[in-house]
PDB file of N, CA and C in Angstrom:
ATOM      1  N   UNK A   1     -50.183  22.022  -9.191  1.00  0.00           N
ATOM      2  CA  UNK A   1     -48.796  22.350  -9.156  1.00  0.00           C
ATOM      3  C   UNK A   1     -48.140  20.782  -8.829  1.00  0.00           C
ATOM      4  N   UNK A   2     -47.220  20.670 -10.189  1.00  0.00           N
ATOM      5  CA  UNK A   2     -46.739  19.075 -10.236  1.00  0.00           C
ATOM      6  C   UNK A   2     -45.646  19.400  -9.352  1.00  0.00           C
ATOM      7  N   UNK A   3     -45.294  18.220  -8.636  1.00  0.00           N
ATOM      8  CA  UNK A   3     -44.370  18.286  -7.752  1.00  0.00           C
ATOM      9  C   UNK A   3     -43.343  17.012  -8.586  1.00  0.00           C
ATOM     10  N   UNK A   4     -42.038  17.809  -8.559  1.00  0.00           N
ATOM     11  CA  UNK A   4     -40.850  16.851  -9.187  1.00  0.00           C
ATOM     12  C   UNK A   4     -40.033  16.021  -8.122  1.00  0.00           C
ATOM     13  N   UNK A   5     -39.750  14.887  -8.569  1.00  0.00           N
ATOM     14  CA  UNK A   5     -39.110  13.769  -7.845  1.00  0.00           C
ATOM     15  C   UNK A   5     -38.202  13.364  -8.465  1.00  0.00           C
ATOM     16  N   UNK A   6     -36.770  13.145  -7.787  1.00  0.00           N
ATOM     17  CA  UNK A   6     -35.714  12.587  -8.558  1.00  0.00           C
ATOM     18  C   UNK A   6     -35.311  11.441  -7.774  1.00  0.00           C
ATOM     19  N   UNK A   7     -34.524  10.665  -9.334  1.00  0.00           N
ATOM     20  CA  UNK A   7     -34.717   9.393  -8.780  1.00  0.00           C
ATOM     21  C   UNK A   7     -33.342   8.934  -8.182  1.00  0.00           C
ATOM     22  N   UNK A   8     -33.626   7.800  -7.596  1.00  0.00           N
ATOM     23  CA  UNK A   8     -32.203   8.075  -6.811  1.00  0.00           C
ATOM     24  C   UNK A   8     -31.216   7.377  -7.924  1.00  0.00           C
ATOM     25  N   UNK A   9     -31.434   6.963  -8.600  1.00  0.00           N
ATOM     26  CA  UNK A   9     -29.940   6.915  -9.631  1.00  0.00           C
ATOM     27  C   UNK A   9     -29.341   8.000 -10.296  1.00  0.00           C
ATOM     28  N   UNK A  10     -30.314   8.978 -10.201  1.00  0.00           N
ATOM     29  CA  UNK A  10     -29.875  10.490 -10.827  1.00  0.00           C
ATOM     30  C   UNK A  10     -28.573  11.052  -9.512  1.00  0.00           C
ATOM     31  N   UNK A  11     -29.094  10.757  -8.504  1.00  0.00           N
ATOM     32  CA  UNK A  11     -28.720  10.874  -7.326  1.00  0.00           C
ATOM     33  C   UNK A  11     -27.231  10.478  -7.631  1.00  0.00           C
ATOM     34  N   UNK A  12     -27.249   9.041  -7.540  1.00  0.00           N
ATOM     35  CA  UNK A  12     -25.842   8.393  -7.192  1.00  0.00           C
ATOM     36  C   UNK A  12     -25.253   8.997  -8.182  1.00  0.00           C
ATOM     37  N   UNK A  13     -25.649   9.091  -9.611  1.00  0.00           N
ATOM     38  CA  UNK A  13     -24.838   9.503 -10.644  1.00  0.00           C
ATOM     39  C   UNK A  13     -24.165  10.808 -10.297  1.00  0.00           C
ATOM     40  N   UNK A  14     -24.838  11.350  -9.696  1.00  0.00           N
ATOM     41  CA  UNK A  14     -24.091  13.040  -9.387  1.00  0.00           C
ATOM     42  C   UNK A  14     -23.065  13.137  -8.178  1.00  0.00           C
ATOM     43  N   UNK A  15     -23.854  12.396  -7.143  1.00  0.00           N
ATOM     44  CA  UNK A  15     -22.494  11.989  -5.949  1.00  0.00           C
ATOM     45  C   UNK A  15     -21.394  11.804  -7.012  1.00  0.00           C
ATOM     46  N   UNK A  16     -21.240  10.315  -7.750  1.00  0.00           N
ATOM     47  CA  UNK A  16     -19.927   9.628  -8.466  1.00  0.00           C
ATOM     48  C   UNK A  16     -19.390  10.809  -9.124  1.00  0.00           C
ATOM     49  N   UNK A  17     -20.067  11.901  -9.894  1.00  0.00           N
ATOM     50  CA  UNK A  17     -19.159  12.623 -10.770  1.00  0.00           C
ATOM     51  C   UNK A  17     -18.651  13.823  -9.907  1.00  0.00           C
ATOM     52  N   UNK A  18     -19.179  13.788  -8.486  1.00  0.00           N
ATOM     53  CA  UNK A  18     -18.420  14.932  -7.860  1.00  0.00           C
ATOM     54  C   UNK A  18     -17.475  14.325  -6.867  1.00  0.00           C
ATOM     55  N   UNK A  19     -17.101  12.999  -7.021  1.00  0.00           N
ATOM     56  CA  UNK A  19     -16.154  12.309  -6.255  1.00  0.00           C
ATOM     57  C   UNK A  19     -15.204  12.246  -7.173  1.00  0.00           C
ATOM     58  N   UNK A  20     -15.224  11.999  -8.419  1.00  0.00           N
ATOM     59  CA  UNK A  20     -14.749  11.721  -9.554  1.00  0.00           C
ATOM     60  C   UNK A  20     -13.936  13.051  -9.671  1.00  0.00           C
ATOM     61  N   UNK A  21     -14.421  14.321  -9.804  1.00  0.00           N
ATOM     62  CA  UNK A  21     -13.768  15.721  -9.867  1.00  0.00           C
ATOM     63  C   UNK A  21     -13.440  15.788  -8.884  1.00  0.00           C
ATOM     64  N   UNK A  22     -13.324  15.637  -7.528  1.00  0.00           N
ATOM     65  CA  UNK A  22     -12.899  15.695  -6.567  1.00  0.00           C
ATOM     66  C   UNK A  22     -11.110  14.826  -6.429  1.00  0.00           C
ATOM     67  N   UNK A  23     -11.609  13.500  -7.159  1.00  0.00           N
ATOM     68  CA  UNK A  23      -9.987  12.877  -7.313  1.00  0.00           C
ATOM     69  C   UNK A  23      -9.453  13.500  -8.325  1.00  0.00           C
ATOM     70  N   UNK A  24      -9.812  13.861  -9.216  1.00  0.00           N
ATOM     71  CA  UNK A  24      -9.137  14.028 -10.676  1.00  0.00           C
ATOM     72  C   UNK A  24      -7.212  15.095 -10.070  1.00  0.00           C
ATOM     73  N   UNK A  25      -6.925  15.954  -9.393  1.00  0.00           N
ATOM     74  CA  UNK A  25      -5.979  16.476  -9.210  1.00  0.00           C
ATOM     75  C   UNK A  25      -5.128  15.414  -8.489  1.00  0.00           C
ATOM     76  N   UNK A  26      -5.515  14.229  -8.188  1.00  0.00           N
ATOM     77  CA  UNK A  26      -4.726  12.887  -7.784  1.00  0.00           C
ATOM     78  C   UNK A  26      -4.096  12.350  -9.017  1.00  0.00           C
ATOM     79  N   UNK A  27      -4.930  12.216  -9.899  1.00  0.00           N
ATOM     80  CA  UNK A  27      -4.259  11.832 -11.374  1.00  0.00           C
ATOM     81  C   UNK A  27      -3.214  12.235 -12.019  1.00  0.00           C
ATOM     82  N   UNK A  28      -2.319  11.431 -12.588  1.00  0.00           N
ATOM     83  CA  UNK A  28      -0.888  12.044 -13.022  1.00  0.00           C
ATOM     84  C   UNK A  28      -1.730  12.586 -14.612  1.00  0.00           C
ATOM     85  N   UNK A  29      -1.131  13.644 -15.323  1.00  0.00           N
ATOM     86  CA  UNK A  29      -1.349  14.231 -16.194  1.00  0.00           C
ATOM     87  C   UNK A  29      -0.406  13.585 -17.258  1.00  0.00           C
ATOM     88  N   UNK A  30      -1.409  13.266 -18.276  1.00  0.00           N
ATOM     89  CA  UNK A  30      -0.970  12.501 -19.417  1.00  0.00           C
ATOM     90  C   UNK A  30       0.477  13.758 -20.231  1.00  0.00           C
ATOM     91  N   UNK A  31       1.772  13.417 -20.582  1.00  0.00           N
ATOM     92  CA  UNK A  31       2.485  14.255 -21.043  1.00  0.00           C
ATOM     93  C   UNK A  31       3.544  14.754 -20.039  1.00  0.00           C
ATOM     94  N   UNK A  32       3.052  14.915 -18.804  1.00  0.00           N
ATOM     95  CA  UNK A  32       3.550  15.817 -17.602  1.00  0.00           C
ATOM     96  C   UNK A  32       5.111  15.258 -17.678  1.00  0.00           C
ATOM     97  N   UNK A  33       6.077  15.850 -16.923  1.00  0.00           N
ATOM     98  CA  UNK A  33       7.416  15.811 -16.760  1.00  0.00           C
ATOM     99  C   UNK A  33       7.662  14.374 -16.009  1.00  0.00           C
ATOM    100  N   UNK A  34       6.551  14.158 -15.189  1.00  0.00           N
ATOM    101  CA  UNK A  34       6.799  13.306 -14.137  1.00  0.00           C
ATOM    102  C   UNK A  34       6.504  11.801 -14.823  1.00  0.00           C
ATOM    103  N   UNK A  35       5.644  11.631 -16.048  1.00  0.00           N
ATOM    104  CA  UNK A  35       5.582  10.622 -16.772  1.00  0.00           C
ATOM    105  C   UNK A  35       6.624  10.403 -17.764  1.00  0.00           C
ATOM    106  N   UNK A  36       7.543  11.332 -18.331  1.00  0.00           N
ATOM    107  CA  UNK A  36       8.221  11.185 -19.265  1.00  0.00           C
ATOM    108  C   UNK A  36       9.255  10.931 -18.271  1.00  0.00           C
ATOM    109  N   UNK A  37       9.806  11.147 -17.190  1.00  0.00           N
ATOM    110  CA  UNK A  37      10.728  10.857 -16.544  1.00  0.00           C
ATOM    111  C   UNK A  37      11.402   9.641 -16.610  1.00  0.00           C
ATOM    112  N   UNK A  38      12.827   9.286 -16.423  1.00  0.00           N
ATOM    113  CA  UNK A  38      13.514   7.782 -16.322  1.00  0.00           C
ATOM    114  C   UNK A  38      12.413   7.622 -15.016  1.00  0.00           C
ATOM    115  N   UNK A  39      12.398   5.884 -15.035  1.00  0.00           N
ATOM    116  CA  UNK A  39      12.351   4.844 -14.055  1.00  0.00           C
ATOM    117  C   UNK A  39      12.812   5.638 -12.692  1.00  0.00           C
ATOM    118  N   UNK A  40      12.422   5.571 -11.291  1.00  0.00           N
ATOM    119  CA  UNK A  40      12.976   5.874 -10.555  1.00  0.00           C
ATOM    120  C   UNK A  40      13.691   4.212  -9.807  1.00  0.00           C
ATOM    121  N   UNK A  41      14.652   4.787  -9.385  1.00  0.00           N
ATOM    122  CA  UNK A  41      15.618   3.008  -8.338  1.00  0.00           C
ATOM    123  C   UNK A  41      15.044   3.284  -7.033  1.00  0.00           C
ATOM    124  N   UNK A  42      14.123   2.496  -6.581  1.00  0.00           N
ATOM    125  CA  UNK A  42      13.640   2.708  -5.345  1.00  0.00           C
ATOM    126  C   UNK A  42      14.036   0.951  -4.706  1.00  0.00           C
ATOM    127  N   UNK A  43      15.332   1.902  -3.552  1.00  0.00           N
ATOM    128  CA  UNK A  43      15.911   0.587  -2.728  1.00  0.00           C
ATOM    129  C   UNK A  43      15.531   0.471  -1.192  1.00  0.00           C
ATOM    130  N   UNK A  44      15.221  -0.431  -0.711  1.00  0.00           N
ATOM    131  CA  UNK A  44      14.954  -1.118   0.624  1.00  0.00           C
ATOM    132  C   UNK A  44      15.828  -2.020   1.044  1.00  0.00           C
ATOM    133  N   UNK A  45      16.083  -2.213   2.128  1.00  0.00           N
ATOM    134  CA  UNK A  45      16.519  -2.931   3.422  1.00  0.00           C
ATOM    135  C   UNK A  45      15.390  -3.755   4.057  1.00  0.00           C
ATOM    136  N   UNK A  46      15.667  -5.139   3.912  1.00  0.00           N
ATOM    137  CA  UNK A  46      15.277  -5.855   5.050  1.00  0.00           C
ATOM    138  C   UNK A  46      15.579  -7.037   5.858  1.00  0.00           C
ATOM    139  N   UNK A  47      15.619  -6.672   7.125  1.00  0.00           N
ATOM    140  CA  UNK A  47      16.302  -7.849   8.058  1.00  0.00           C
ATOM    141  C   UNK A  47      15.302  -9.024   8.438  1.00  0.00           C
ATOM    142  N   UNK A  48      15.354  -9.993   8.019  1.00  0.00           N
ATOM    143  CA  UNK A  48      14.413 -11.143   8.469  1.00  0.00           C
ATOM    144  C   UNK A  48      14.907 -11.721   9.843  1.00  0.00           C
ATOM    145  N   UNK A  49      14.141 -11.502  10.912  1.00  0.00           N
ATOM    146  CA  UNK A  49      15.038 -11.967  12.446  1.00  0.00           C
ATOM    147  C   UNK A  49      13.794 -12.530  13.115  1.00  0.00           C
ATOM    148  N   UNK A  50      13.725 -13.363  14.048  1.00  0.00           N
ATOM    149  CA  UNK A  50      13.207 -13.960  15.011  1.00  0.00           C
ATOM    150  C   UNK A  50      12.546 -12.606  15.820  1.00  0.00           C
ATOM    151  N   UNK A  51      11.136 -12.539  16.028  1.00  0.00           N
ATOM    152  CA  UNK A  51      10.594 -11.275  17.266  1.00  0.00           C
ATOM    153  C   UNK A  51       9.604 -11.776  17.863  1.00  0.00           C
ATOM    154  N   UNK A  52       9.007 -11.245  18.450  1.00  0.00           N
ATOM    155  CA  UNK A  52       7.616 -11.201  19.199  1.00  0.00           C
ATOM    156  C   UNK A  52       6.459 -10.527  18.748  1.00  0.00           C
ATOM    157  N   UNK A  53       5.031 -10.951  18.781  1.00  0.00           N
ATOM    158  CA  UNK A  53       4.387 -10.029  18.309  1.00  0.00           C
ATOM    159  C   UNK A  53       3.014 -10.207  19.540  1.00  0.00           C
ATOM    160  N   UNK A  54       2.448  -9.450  19.872  1.00  0.00           N
ATOM    161  CA  UNK A  54       0.930  -9.547  20.600  1.00  0.00           C
ATOM    162  C   UNK A  54      -0.291  -9.875  19.811  1.00  0.00           C
ATOM    163  N   UNK A  55      -0.569 -11.078  19.256  1.00  0.00           N
ATOM    164  CA  UNK A  55      -1.336 -11.401  18.303  1.00  0.00           C
ATOM    165  C   UNK A  55      -2.506 -11.819  18.867  1.00  0.00           C
ATOM    166  N   UNK A  56      -2.888 -12.003  20.346  1.00  0.00           N
ATOM    167  CA  UNK A  56      -3.875 -12.246  21.154  1.00  0.00           C
ATOM    168  C   UNK A  56      -4.210 -11.269  22.126  1.00  0.00           C
ATOM    169  N   UNK A  57      -4.988 -11.196  22.924  1.00  0.00           N
ATOM    170  CA  UNK A  57      -5.316  -9.820  24.219  1.00  0.00           C
ATOM    171  C   UNK A  57      -4.228 -10.346  24.985  1.00  0.00           C
ATOM    172  N   UNK A  58      -4.013  -8.982  25.387  1.00  0.00           N
ATOM    173  CA  UNK A  58      -2.840  -8.975  26.405  1.00  0.00           C
ATOM    174  C   UNK A  58      -2.251  -9.932  27.668  1.00  0.00           C
ATOM    175  N   UNK A  59      -3.463 -10.437  27.813  1.00  0.00           N
ATOM    176  CA  UNK A  59      -3.822 -11.641  28.990  1.00  0.00           C
ATOM    177  C   UNK A  59      -2.628 -12.530  28.889  1.00  0.00           C
ATOM    178  N   UNK A  60      -2.024 -12.780  27.623  1.00  0.00           N
ATOM    179  CA  UNK A  60      -1.839 -13.881  27.087  1.00  0.00           C
ATOM    180  C   UNK A  60      -0.278 -13.258  26.992  1.00  0.00           C
ATOM    181  N   UNK A  61       0.509 -14.236  26.916  1.00  0.00           N
ATOM    182  CA  UNK A  61       1.689 -13.845  26.477  1.00  0.00           C
ATOM    183  C   UNK A  61       2.140 -13.592  25.237  1.00  0.00           C
ATOM    184  N   UNK A  62       3.131 -13.119  24.367  1.00  0.00           N
ATOM    185  CA  UNK A  62       3.540 -12.774  23.322  1.00  0.00           C
ATOM    186  C   UNK A  62       4.068 -13.981  22.530  1.00  0.00           C
ATOM    187  N   UNK A  63       3.598 -13.777  21.168  1.00  0.00           N
ATOM    188  CA  UNK A  63       3.933 -15.037  20.291  1.00  0.00           C
ATOM    189  C   UNK A  63       5.080 -14.701  19.468  1.00  0.00           C
ATOM    190  N   UNK A  64       6.196 -15.967  19.617  1.00  0.00           N
ATOM    191  CA  UNK A  64       7.316 -15.926  18.786  1.00  0.00           C
ATOM    192  C   UNK A  64       6.857 -15.748  17.303  1.00  0.00           C
ATOM    193  N   UNK A  65       7.343 -15.061  16.319  1.00  0.00           N
ATOM    194  CA  UNK A  65       7.224 -14.762  14.893  1.00  0.00           C
ATOM    195  C   UNK A  65       8.694 -14.692  14.101  1.00  0.00           C
ATOM    196  N   UNK A  66       8.770 -14.606  12.891  1.00  0.00           N
ATOM    197  CA  UNK A  66       9.736 -14.198  12.180  1.00  0.00           C
ATOM    198  C   UNK A  66       8.955 -12.546  11.662  1.00  0.00           C
ATOM    199  N   UNK A  67       9.907 -12.057  11.968  1.00  0.00           N
ATOM    200  CA  UNK A  67       9.767 -10.911  11.203  1.00  0.00           C
ATOM    201  C   UNK A  67      10.437  -9.795  10.661  1.00  0.00           C
ATOM    202  N   UNK A  68       9.743  -9.165   9.523  1.00  0.00           N
ATOM    203  CA  UNK A  68      10.938  -8.407   8.778  1.00  0.00           C
ATOM    204  C   UNK A  68      11.139  -7.075   9.435  1.00  0.00           C
ATOM    205  N   UNK A  69      12.359  -6.255   9.272  1.00  0.00           N
ATOM    206  CA  UNK A  69      12.495  -4.964  10.383  1.00  0.00           C
ATOM    207  C   UNK A  69      11.950  -4.872  11.469  1.00  0.00           C
ATOM    208  N   UNK A  70      11.668  -6.079  12.218  1.00  0.00           N
ATOM    209  CA  UNK A  70      10.992  -6.228  13.295  1.00  0.00           C
ATOM    210  C   UNK A  70       9.685  -5.993  13.393  1.00  0.00           C
ATOM    211  N   UNK A  71       8.999  -6.424  12.610  1.00  0.00           N
ATOM    212  CA  UNK A  71       7.349  -6.107  12.268  1.00  0.00           C
ATOM    213  C   UNK A  71       6.627  -7.289  11.814  1.00  0.00           C
ATOM    214  N   UNK A  72       5.546  -7.602  12.106  1.00  0.00           N
ATOM    215  CA  UNK A  72       5.021  -8.787  11.681  1.00  0.00           C
ATOM    216  C   UNK A  72       3.673  -8.328  11.448  1.00  0.00           C
ATOM    217  N   UNK A  73       2.979  -8.176   9.998  1.00  0.00           N
ATOM    218  CA  UNK A  73       3.823  -8.596   8.454  1.00  0.00           C
ATOM    219  C   UNK A  73       4.863  -7.564   8.763  1.00  0.00           C
ATOM    220  N   UNK A  74       5.958  -7.646   7.405  1.00  0.00           N
ATOM    221  CA  UNK A  74       6.489  -6.491   7.332  1.00  0.00           C
ATOM    222  C   UNK A  74       6.390  -5.318   6.857  1.00  0.00           C
ATOM    223  N   UNK A  75       7.476  -4.426   6.320  1.00  0.00           N
ATOM    224  CA  UNK A  75       6.651  -3.519   5.767  1.00  0.00           C
ATOM    225  C   UNK A  75       6.052  -3.614   4.356  1.00  0.00           C
ATOM    226  N   UNK A  76       5.484  -2.611   4.106  1.00  0.00           N
ATOM    227  CA  UNK A  76       5.116  -2.536   2.616  1.00  0.00           C
ATOM    228  C   UNK A  76       6.184  -1.323   1.380  1.00  0.00           C
ATOM    229  N   UNK A  77       6.344  -2.184   0.812  1.00  0.00           N
ATOM    230  CA  UNK A  77       7.604  -1.887  -0.543  1.00  0.00           C
ATOM    231  C   UNK A  77       6.620  -0.923  -1.271  1.00  0.00           C
ATOM    232  N   UNK A  78       6.411  -0.058  -1.569  1.00  0.00           N
ATOM    233  CA  UNK A  78       6.034   0.662  -2.762  1.00  0.00           C
ATOM    234  C   UNK A  78       6.987   1.421  -3.733  1.00  0.00           C
ATOM    235  N   UNK A  79       6.568   1.324  -5.223  1.00  0.00           N
ATOM    236  CA  UNK A  79       7.105   1.735  -6.229  1.00  0.00           C
ATOM    237  C   UNK A  79       6.043   1.858  -7.432  1.00  0.00           C
ATOM    238  N   UNK A  80       6.465   2.955  -8.387  1.00  0.00           N
ATOM    239  CA  UNK A  80       5.417   3.265  -9.400  1.00  0.00           C
ATOM    240  C   UNK A  80       5.754   2.385 -10.583  1.00  0.00           C
ATOM    241  N   UNK A  81       4.715   1.911 -10.721  1.00  0.00           N
ATOM    242  CA  UNK A  81       4.837   0.852 -12.145  1.00  0.00           C
ATOM    243  C   UNK A  81       6.534   1.569 -12.835  1.00  0.00           C
ATOM    244  N   UNK A  82       6.955   0.584 -13.380  1.00  0.00           N
ATOM    245  CA  UNK A  82       8.298   0.913 -14.326  1.00  0.00           C
ATOM    246  C   UNK A  82       9.546   1.224 -13.226  1.00  0.00           C
ATOM    247  N   UNK A  83       9.203   1.437 -12.389  1.00  0.00           N
ATOM    248  CA  UNK A  83      10.732   1.896 -11.190  1.00  0.00           C
ATOM    249  C   UNK A  83      10.788   0.458 -11.349  1.00  0.00           C
ATOM    250  N   UNK A  84      12.491   0.597 -10.988  1.00  0.00           N
ATOM    251  CA  UNK A  84      13.445  -0.449 -10.521  1.00  0.00           C
ATOM    252  C   UNK A  84      13.596  -0.450  -9.033  1.00  0.00           C
ATOM    253  N   UNK A  85      13.502  -1.689  -8.486  1.00  0.00           N
ATOM    254  CA  UNK A  85      13.424  -2.066  -6.958  1.00  0.00           C
ATOM    255  C   UNK A  85      14.363  -2.792  -6.603  1.00  0.00           C
ATOM    256  N   UNK A  86      15.299  -2.396  -5.715  1.00  0.00           N
ATOM    257  CA  UNK A  86      16.480  -2.862  -5.173  1.00  0.00           C
ATOM    258  C   UNK A  86      16.331  -3.395  -3.615  1.00  0.00           C
ATOM    259  N   UNK A  87      16.082  -4.664  -3.044  1.00  0.00           N
ATOM    260  CA  UNK A  87      15.772  -5.507  -2.176  1.00  0.00           C
ATOM    261  C   UNK A  87      16.937  -5.731  -1.768  1.00  0.00           C
ATOM    262  N   UNK A  88      17.422  -5.288  -0.741  1.00  0.00           N
ATOM    263  CA  UNK A  88      18.714  -6.103   0.271  1.00  0.00           C
ATOM    264  C   UNK A  88      18.340  -7.067   1.227  1.00  0.00           C
ATOM    265  N   UNK A  89      17.934  -8.186   1.540  1.00  0.00           N
ATOM    266  CA  UNK A  89      17.420  -8.593   2.391  1.00  0.00           C
ATOM    267  C   UNK A  89      19.000  -9.678   3.294  1.00  0.00           C
ATOM    268  N   UNK A  90      18.750  -9.368   4.455  1.00  0.00           N
ATOM    269  CA  UNK A  90      19.373  -9.884   5.465  1.00  0.00           C
ATOM    270  C   UNK A  90      18.846 -10.989   6.114  1.00  0.00           C
ATOM    271  N   UNK A  91      19.500 -12.369   6.305  1.00  0.00           N
ATOM    272  CA  UNK A  91      18.312 -13.230   6.770  1.00  0.00           C
ATOM    273  C   UNK A  91      19.274 -13.684   8.174  1.00  0.00           C
ATOM    274  N   UNK A  92      18.486 -13.078   9.262  1.00  0.00           N
ATOM    275  CA  UNK A  92      19.138 -13.820  10.640  1.00  0.00           C
ATOM    276  C   UNK A  92      18.113 -14.799  11.031  1.00  0.00           C
ATOM    277  N   UNK A  93      17.518 -15.708  10.423  1.00  0.00           N
ATOM    278  CA  UNK A  93      16.260 -16.463  10.718  1.00  0.00           C
ATOM    279  C   UNK A  93      17.615 -17.538  10.778  1.00  0.00           C
ATOM    280  N   UNK A  94      17.015 -19.407  11.208  1.00  0.00           N
ATOM    281  CA  UNK A  94      17.749 -20.469  11.169  1.00  0.00           C
ATOM    282  C   UNK A  94      17.294 -20.916   9.809  1.00  0.00           C
ATOM    283  N   UNK A  95      16.222 -20.494   9.018  1.00  0.00           N
ATOM    284  CA  UNK A  95      15.797 -21.214   7.770  1.00  0.00           C
ATOM    285  C   UNK A  95      16.049 -20.121   6.684  1.00  0.00           C
ATOM    286  N   UNK A  96      16.180 -20.970   5.607  1.00  0.00           N
ATOM    287  CA  UNK A  96      15.830 -19.933   4.552  1.00  0.00           C
ATOM    288  C   UNK A  96      14.230 -18.991   4.239  1.00  0.00           C
ATOM    289  N   UNK A  97      14.168 -18.132   3.979  1.00  0.00           N
ATOM    290  CA  UNK A  97      13.303 -17.123   3.704  1.00  0.00           C
ATOM    291  C   UNK A  97      13.033 -16.604   1.955  1.00  0.00           C
ATOM    292  N   UNK A  98      11.906 -15.863   2.193  1.00  0.00           N
ATOM    293  CA  UNK A  98      11.224 -15.579   0.888  1.00  0.00           C
ATOM    294  C   UNK A  98      10.698 -14.170   0.928  1.00  0.00           C
ATOM    295  N   UNK A  99      10.862 -13.185  -0.291  1.00  0.00           N
ATOM    296  CA  UNK A  99      10.182 -12.284   0.123  1.00  0.00           C
ATOM    297  C   UNK A  99       9.366 -12.268  -1.416  1.00  0.00           C
ATOM    298  N   UNK A 100       8.093 -11.822  -1.323  1.00  0.00           N
ATOM    299  CA  UNK A 100       7.141 -11.680  -2.300  1.00  0.00           C
ATOM    300  C   UNK A 100       6.288 -10.659  -2.253  1.00  0.00           C
TER     301      UNK A 100
END
């Protein structure tokens, strides 16, 4: 009786194919109503101000930082490709600041 062994490459291709099928529902459909709609306007407000953060173990004092919306690093702003992004920045720092 001949024993059949599968190569590790075939197994990897099979697993990659299954992973691709599992991710398919997350992908946008071509010609769907979402892709044909007008770009969205995504608005956000950022306040740049002095704050403190625990950057080292708790037995050490908190560190003075420049934060956006009381967090360092600041919040992640998300928009889809093609959307318009409007960010209002209030600078409460004693120095100029940038957002990038």
